Amino acid sequence: MIYKQKARRDAFLILYQWDIKGDNLEQLMEEYIQSNNIKHPEHRRYIRKLVRTYIQKAKEIDSVISQFSEEWDIDRLGYIERNILRVAIAEILFIGTKKLNLTIYDYVKLTLKYAGKEPAKFVNGILGKVAKLSKES
């Protein structure tokens, strides 16, 4: 299932680029897949699933982020944290995951790599709240 870890990273990087540039997200995703020569069919499929789930559920996902980040408006979050949370929430709430703790760990690790320790703690806290919400549903 290593392709899921890679797909999570790639979906985050695609959303990150989109958030900065404002391009067509679907087109940006396909260009990213081509330019990074992603050949494994499951890897490509999961990237598309994560990004398209965000596209379809963007308002709900951003609302969850705003709700759980309490005093922080989504636009005040850093690009990295915001887009890692978008992909993570798309997966946890709308796609589903059998290994919730491992999924959260992957996203926290991504945040640690790209943003550092404090943002990783923040993302972990938000995803902990999202995990409780997903268990209630």
Protein backbone atom coordinates (compact mmCIF):
# COMPACT_ATOMS: atom_id res chain seq x y z
CA MET A 1 0.00 0.00 0.00
CA ILE A 2 2.99 2.30 -0.37
CA TYR A 3 1.26 3.75 -3.42
CA LYS A 4 -1.29 5.34 -1.04
CA GLN A 5 1.47 7.17 0.85
CA LYS A 6 2.88 8.46 -2.42
CA ALA A 7 -0.58 9.37 -3.71
CA ARG A 8 -1.29 11.34 -0.52
CA ARG A 9 1.93 13.29 -0.99
CA ASP A 10 1.23 13.87 -4.68
CA ALA A 11 -2.38 14.96 -4.10
CA PHE A 12 -1.14 17.43 -1.47
CA LEU A 13 1.50 18.81 -3.87
CA ILE A 14 -1.12 19.19 -6.61
CA LEU A 15 -3.51 21.07 -4.30
CA TYR A 16 -0.61 23.16 -3.00
CA GLN A 17 0.31 24.23 -6.56
CA TRP A 18 -3.33 24.93 -7.36
CA ASP A 19 -3.81 27.00 -4.19
CA ILE A 20 -0.85 29.20 -5.12
CA LYS A 21 -1.41 29.44 -8.88
CA GLY A 22 -5.19 29.21 -9.10
CA ASP A 23 -5.07 27.07 -12.26
CA ASN A 24 -7.63 24.48 -13.33
CA LEU A 25 -7.22 21.77 -10.71
CA GLU A 26 -8.19 18.83 -12.93
CA GLN A 27 -5.75 19.94 -15.64
CA LEU A 28 -2.99 20.61 -13.11
CA MET A 29 -3.47 17.10 -11.70
CA GLU A 30 -3.12 15.45 -15.12
CA GLU A 31 -0.05 17.55 -15.96
CA TYR A 32 1.51 16.61 -12.61
CA ILE A 33 0.91 12.90 -13.21
CA GLN A 34 2.45 13.14 -16.70
CA SER A 35 5.42 15.33 -15.78
CA ASN A 36 6.30 13.14 -12.79
CA ASN A 37 6.01 10.02 -14.94
CA ILE A 38 3.68 8.25 -12.51
CA LYS A 39 3.11 4.89 -14.16
CA HIS A 40 1.66 2.63 -11.45
CA PRO A 41 -2.10 2.44 -12.17
CA GLU A 42 -3.15 2.26 -8.50
CA HIS A 43 -0.95 5.24 -7.66
CA ARG A 44 -2.49 7.32 -10.48
CA ARG A 45 -6.00 6.15 -9.58
CA TYR A 46 -5.62 7.12 -5.92
CA ILE A 47 -4.18 10.56 -6.74
CA ARG A 48 -7.20 11.20 -8.96
CA LYS A 49 -9.59 9.91 -6.31
CA LEU A 50 -8.14 12.17 -3.60
CA VAL A 51 -8.06 15.30 -5.77
CA ARG A 52 -11.49 14.72 -7.33
CA THR A 53 -13.01 14.09 -3.91
CA TYR A 54 -11.67 17.47 -2.81
CA ILE A 55 -13.06 19.10 -5.98
CA GLN A 56 -16.51 17.60 -5.30
CA LYS A 57 -16.56 18.31 -1.56
CA ALA A 58 -14.44 21.48 -1.33
CA LYS A 59 -16.97 23.60 0.56
CA GLU A 60 -17.67 20.90 3.13
CA ILE A 61 -13.98 20.09 3.59
CA ASP A 62 -12.98 23.74 4.01
CA SER A 63 -15.87 24.19 6.44
CA VAL A 64 -14.60 21.28 8.57
CA ILE A 65 -11.12 22.82 8.61
CA SER A 66 -12.53 26.20 9.72
CA GLN A 67 -14.74 24.54 12.35
CA PHE A 68 -11.94 22.53 13.94
CA SER A 69 -9.20 25.14 13.69
CA GLU A 70 -11.36 27.25 16.01
CA GLU A 71 -9.97 30.78 15.96
CA TRP A 72 -8.15 30.35 12.65
CA ASP A 73 -9.90 31.20 9.40
CA ILE A 74 -8.88 28.79 6.63
CA ASP A 75 -7.22 31.63 4.69
CA ARG A 76 -4.92 32.31 7.66
CA LEU A 77 -3.49 28.80 7.58
CA GLY A 78 -0.26 28.23 5.69
CA TYR A 79 -0.53 26.75 2.20
CA ILE A 80 1.09 23.53 3.36
CA GLU A 81 -1.12 22.91 6.38
CA ARG A 82 -4.28 23.94 4.54
CA ASN A 83 -3.70 21.59 1.62
CA ILE A 84 -2.51 18.64 3.67
CA LEU A 85 -5.69 19.00 5.73
CA ARG A 86 -7.81 19.21 2.57
CA VAL A 87 -6.46 15.93 1.22
CA ALA A 88 -6.58 14.23 4.62
CA ILE A 89 -10.18 15.22 5.30
CA ALA A 90 -11.23 14.22 1.79
CA GLU A 91 -9.80 10.77 2.47
CA ILE A 92 -10.97 10.33 6.06
CA LEU A 93 -14.52 11.68 5.75
CA PHE A 94 -15.48 11.06 2.13
CA ILE A 95 -13.37 8.16 0.82
CA GLY A 96 -12.86 6.24 4.04
CA THR A 97 -9.87 4.41 5.40
CA LYS A 98 -9.54 1.09 7.18
CA LYS A 99 -6.36 2.16 8.96
CA LEU A 100 -7.32 5.55 10.37
CA ASN A 101 -4.35 5.96 12.72
CA LEU A 102 -1.88 5.05 9.97
CA THR A 103 -3.57 7.47 7.57
CA ILE A 104 -3.34 10.30 10.10
CA TYR A 105 0.29 9.39 10.79
CA ASP A 106 1.09 9.68 7.06
CA TYR A 107 -0.38 13.18 6.91
CA VAL A 108 1.36 14.31 10.09
CA LYS A 109 4.65 12.96 8.70
CA LEU A 110 4.05 14.90 5.47
CA THR A 111 3.45 18.07 7.47
CA LEU A 112 6.59 17.49 9.50
CA LYS A 113 8.62 17.08 6.29
CA TYR A 114 7.24 20.12 4.48
CA ALA A 115 6.37 22.54 7.31
CA GLY A 116 8.04 21.49 10.57
CA LYS A 117 7.19 20.37 14.08
CA GLU A 118 4.66 23.01 15.19
CA PRO A 119 2.50 22.79 12.04
CA ALA A 120 2.63 18.98 12.36
CA LYS A 121 1.22 19.25 15.91
CA PHE A 122 -1.55 21.50 14.61
CA VAL A 123 -2.43 19.10 11.77
CA ASN A 124 -2.39 16.17 14.20
CA GLY A 125 -4.81 17.99 16.50
CA ILE A 126 -7.23 18.81 13.68
CA LEU A 127 -7.10 15.29 12.27
CA GLY A 128 -7.75 13.87 15.74
CA LYS A 129 -11.00 15.86 15.82
CA VAL A 130 -11.83 14.74 12.28
CA ALA A 131 -11.22 11.12 13.29
CA LYS A 132 -13.78 11.45 16.10
CA LEU A 133 -16.25 12.96 13.63
CA SER A 134 -15.69 10.10 11.18
CA LYS A 135 -16.34 7.52 13.91
CA GLU A 136 -19.61 9.26 14.83
CA SER A 137 -20.87 9.13 11.24
